Amino acid sequence: MEFYDSKEIIKLTGLGKTASYKLIEELNTRLKREYPGTIIIGAKVPKWYFEKKILIKEPERSNK
């Protein structure tokens, strides 16, 4: 699974460092609510979830 960290969130959104961490925290909270039992990796958000919620696009499915 691939993740975005705060540096990538800053590049994608133009947010500042603090705001990017807050966005990651909020997305991980929502992810945990939608998918109970999910293990969260601190200061990172799964790319597919970020793209689904922020970029409003369906993630590509890999055939791996």
N, C-alpha and C. Protein backbone atom coordinates (compact mmCIF):
# COMPACT_ATOMS: atom_id res chain seq x y z
N MET A 1 0.85 -1.17 0.00
CA MET A 1 0.00 0.00 0.00
C MET A 1 0.89 1.23 0.00
N GLU A 2 0.48 2.23 -0.71
CA GLU A 2 1.24 3.48 -0.79
C GLU A 2 0.58 4.56 0.06
N PHE A 3 1.42 5.46 0.57
CA PHE A 3 0.95 6.51 1.47
C PHE A 3 1.46 7.87 1.02
N TYR A 4 0.73 8.91 1.41
CA TYR A 4 1.20 10.29 1.29
C TYR A 4 1.65 10.74 2.67
N ASP A 5 2.77 11.45 2.72
CA ASP A 5 3.18 12.07 3.97
C ASP A 5 2.92 13.57 3.88
N SER A 6 3.29 14.30 4.91
CA SER A 6 2.96 15.73 4.94
C SER A 6 3.61 16.51 3.80
N LYS A 7 4.82 16.14 3.42
CA LYS A 7 5.50 16.86 2.33
C LYS A 7 4.74 16.72 1.01
N GLU A 8 4.23 15.52 0.77
CA GLU A 8 3.46 15.30 -0.46
C GLU A 8 2.11 16.01 -0.40
N ILE A 9 1.50 16.03 0.79
CA ILE A 9 0.22 16.73 0.96
C ILE A 9 0.42 18.22 0.70
N ILE A 10 1.52 18.77 1.19
CA ILE A 10 1.83 20.19 0.96
C ILE A 10 1.92 20.48 -0.53
N LYS A 11 2.62 19.63 -1.27
CA LYS A 11 2.77 19.82 -2.72
C LYS A 11 1.44 19.71 -3.45
N LEU A 12 0.62 18.76 -3.04
CA LEU A 12 -0.65 18.52 -3.73
C LEU A 12 -1.70 19.58 -3.42
N THR A 13 -1.70 20.10 -2.19
CA THR A 13 -2.78 20.98 -1.77
C THR A 13 -2.38 22.44 -1.61
N GLY A 14 -1.09 22.68 -1.40
CA GLY A 14 -0.64 24.05 -1.14
C GLY A 14 -0.83 24.46 0.31
N LEU A 15 -1.21 23.54 1.15
CA LEU A 15 -1.37 23.82 2.58
C LEU A 15 -0.01 24.01 3.23
N GLY A 16 0.00 24.60 4.41
CA GLY A 16 1.22 24.70 5.20
C GLY A 16 1.46 23.40 5.94
N LYS A 17 2.59 23.35 6.62
CA LYS A 17 2.98 22.12 7.32
C LYS A 17 1.97 21.72 8.40
N THR A 18 1.58 22.66 9.23
CA THR A 18 0.63 22.36 10.31
C THR A 18 -0.71 21.93 9.74
N ALA A 19 -1.18 22.63 8.75
CA ALA A 19 -2.48 22.29 8.14
C ALA A 19 -2.43 20.92 7.47
N SER A 20 -1.30 20.57 6.87
CA SER A 20 -1.20 19.27 6.22
C SER A 20 -1.26 18.15 7.25
N TYR A 21 -0.61 18.36 8.41
CA TYR A 21 -0.70 17.35 9.47
C TYR A 21 -2.12 17.24 10.00
N LYS A 22 -2.82 18.35 10.13
CA LYS A 22 -4.20 18.33 10.59
C LYS A 22 -5.10 17.60 9.59
N LEU A 23 -4.85 17.82 8.30
CA LEU A 23 -5.62 17.12 7.26
C LEU A 23 -5.37 15.62 7.33
N ILE A 24 -4.12 15.22 7.48
CA ILE A 24 -3.81 13.79 7.59
C ILE A 24 -4.51 13.19 8.81
N GLU A 25 -4.47 13.90 9.92
CA GLU A 25 -5.13 13.42 11.14
C GLU A 25 -6.64 13.28 10.93
N GLU A 26 -7.26 14.27 10.30
CA GLU A 26 -8.69 14.21 10.04
C GLU A 26 -9.05 13.06 9.09
N LEU A 27 -8.27 12.89 8.04
CA LEU A 27 -8.54 11.81 7.10
C LEU A 27 -8.38 10.45 7.78
N ASN A 28 -7.36 10.31 8.61
CA ASN A 28 -7.16 9.04 9.31
C ASN A 28 -8.28 8.76 10.31
N THR A 29 -8.82 9.81 10.93
CA THR A 29 -9.96 9.65 11.83
C THR A 29 -11.17 9.15 11.06
N ARG A 30 -11.41 9.75 9.91
CA ARG A 30 -12.54 9.33 9.07
C ARG A 30 -12.34 7.90 8.54
N LEU A 31 -11.10 7.60 8.15
CA LEU A 31 -10.78 6.27 7.65
C LEU A 31 -11.07 5.23 8.73
N LYS A 32 -10.65 5.51 9.94
CA LYS A 32 -10.87 4.59 11.06
C LYS A 32 -12.36 4.41 11.33
N ARG A 33 -13.13 5.49 11.18
CA ARG A 33 -14.58 5.43 11.40
C ARG A 33 -15.26 4.60 10.30
N GLU A 34 -14.83 4.79 9.06
CA GLU A 34 -15.43 4.06 7.93
C GLU A 34 -15.01 2.61 7.89
N TYR A 35 -13.78 2.33 8.31
CA TYR A 35 -13.23 0.98 8.26
C TYR A 35 -12.68 0.61 9.65
N PRO A 36 -13.59 0.26 10.58
CA PRO A 36 -13.14 -0.09 11.93
C PRO A 36 -12.11 -1.21 11.89
N GLY A 37 -11.14 -1.13 12.77
CA GLY A 37 -10.10 -2.14 12.81
C GLY A 37 -8.89 -1.80 11.96
N THR A 38 -9.00 -0.71 11.19
CA THR A 38 -7.88 -0.28 10.36
C THR A 38 -6.73 0.17 11.24
N ILE A 39 -5.53 -0.23 10.88
CA ILE A 39 -4.34 0.22 11.58
C ILE A 39 -3.83 1.47 10.88
N ILE A 40 -3.65 2.53 11.65
CA ILE A 40 -3.23 3.82 11.11
C ILE A 40 -1.72 3.97 11.29
N ILE A 41 -1.05 4.43 10.27
CA ILE A 41 0.37 4.73 10.34
C ILE A 41 0.49 6.23 10.56
N GLY A 42 1.09 6.62 11.66
CA GLY A 42 1.16 8.02 12.04
C GLY A 42 1.78 8.92 10.98
N ALA A 43 1.20 10.10 10.81
CA ALA A 43 1.66 11.15 9.91
C ALA A 43 1.66 10.74 8.44
N LYS A 44 0.86 9.71 8.11
CA LYS A 44 0.71 9.30 6.72
C LYS A 44 -0.74 8.91 6.49
N VAL A 45 -1.17 9.07 5.25
CA VAL A 45 -2.54 8.68 4.89
C VAL A 45 -2.45 7.84 3.62
N PRO A 46 -3.23 6.76 3.53
CA PRO A 46 -3.20 5.95 2.31
C PRO A 46 -3.55 6.79 1.08
N LYS A 47 -2.79 6.60 0.02
CA LYS A 47 -3.02 7.38 -1.21
C LYS A 47 -4.44 7.20 -1.72
N TRP A 48 -4.93 5.97 -1.72
CA TRP A 48 -6.26 5.72 -2.28
C TRP A 48 -7.32 6.50 -1.52
N TYR A 49 -7.16 6.61 -0.19
CA TYR A 49 -8.17 7.29 0.61
C TYR A 49 -8.09 8.80 0.40
N PHE A 50 -6.89 9.34 0.36
CA PHE A 50 -6.72 10.77 0.09
C PHE A 50 -7.31 11.12 -1.26
N GLU A 51 -7.00 10.32 -2.28
CA GLU A 51 -7.50 10.60 -3.63
C GLU A 51 -9.02 10.50 -3.69
N LYS A 52 -9.58 9.56 -2.98
CA LYS A 52 -11.03 9.40 -2.96
C LYS A 52 -11.72 10.57 -2.28
N LYS A 53 -11.17 11.04 -1.16
CA LYS A 53 -11.83 12.08 -0.37
C LYS A 53 -11.46 13.50 -0.76
N ILE A 54 -10.24 13.72 -1.19
CA ILE A 54 -9.79 15.08 -1.48
C ILE A 54 -9.77 15.36 -2.98
N LEU A 55 -9.21 14.46 -3.74
CA LEU A 55 -9.13 14.68 -5.18
C LEU A 55 -10.41 14.25 -5.89
N ILE A 56 -11.29 13.60 -5.15
CA ILE A 56 -12.58 13.15 -5.65
C ILE A 56 -12.41 12.34 -6.94
N LYS A 57 -11.55 11.34 -6.84
CA LYS A 57 -11.43 10.41 -7.96
C LYS A 57 -11.33 9.01 -7.39
N GLU A 58 -11.82 8.08 -8.13
CA GLU A 58 -11.75 6.69 -7.70
C GLU A 58 -10.32 6.18 -7.90
N PRO A 59 -9.78 5.50 -6.91
CA PRO A 59 -8.43 4.99 -7.04
C PRO A 59 -8.35 3.89 -8.09
N GLU A 60 -7.20 3.82 -8.73
CA GLU A 60 -6.97 2.78 -9.72
C GLU A 60 -6.74 1.47 -8.99
N ARG A 61 -7.27 0.41 -9.53
CA ARG A 61 -7.05 -0.90 -8.90
C ARG A 61 -5.84 -1.56 -9.55
N SER A 62 -4.95 -2.05 -8.71
CA SER A 62 -3.78 -2.74 -9.26
C SER A 62 -4.09 -4.22 -9.34
N ASN A 63 -3.47 -4.87 -10.27
CA ASN A 63 -3.68 -6.29 -10.49
C ASN A 63 -2.57 -7.11 -9.86
N LYS A 64 -1.99 -6.61 -8.78
CA LYS A 64 -0.89 -7.32 -8.13
C LYS A 64 -1.39 -8.35 -7.16
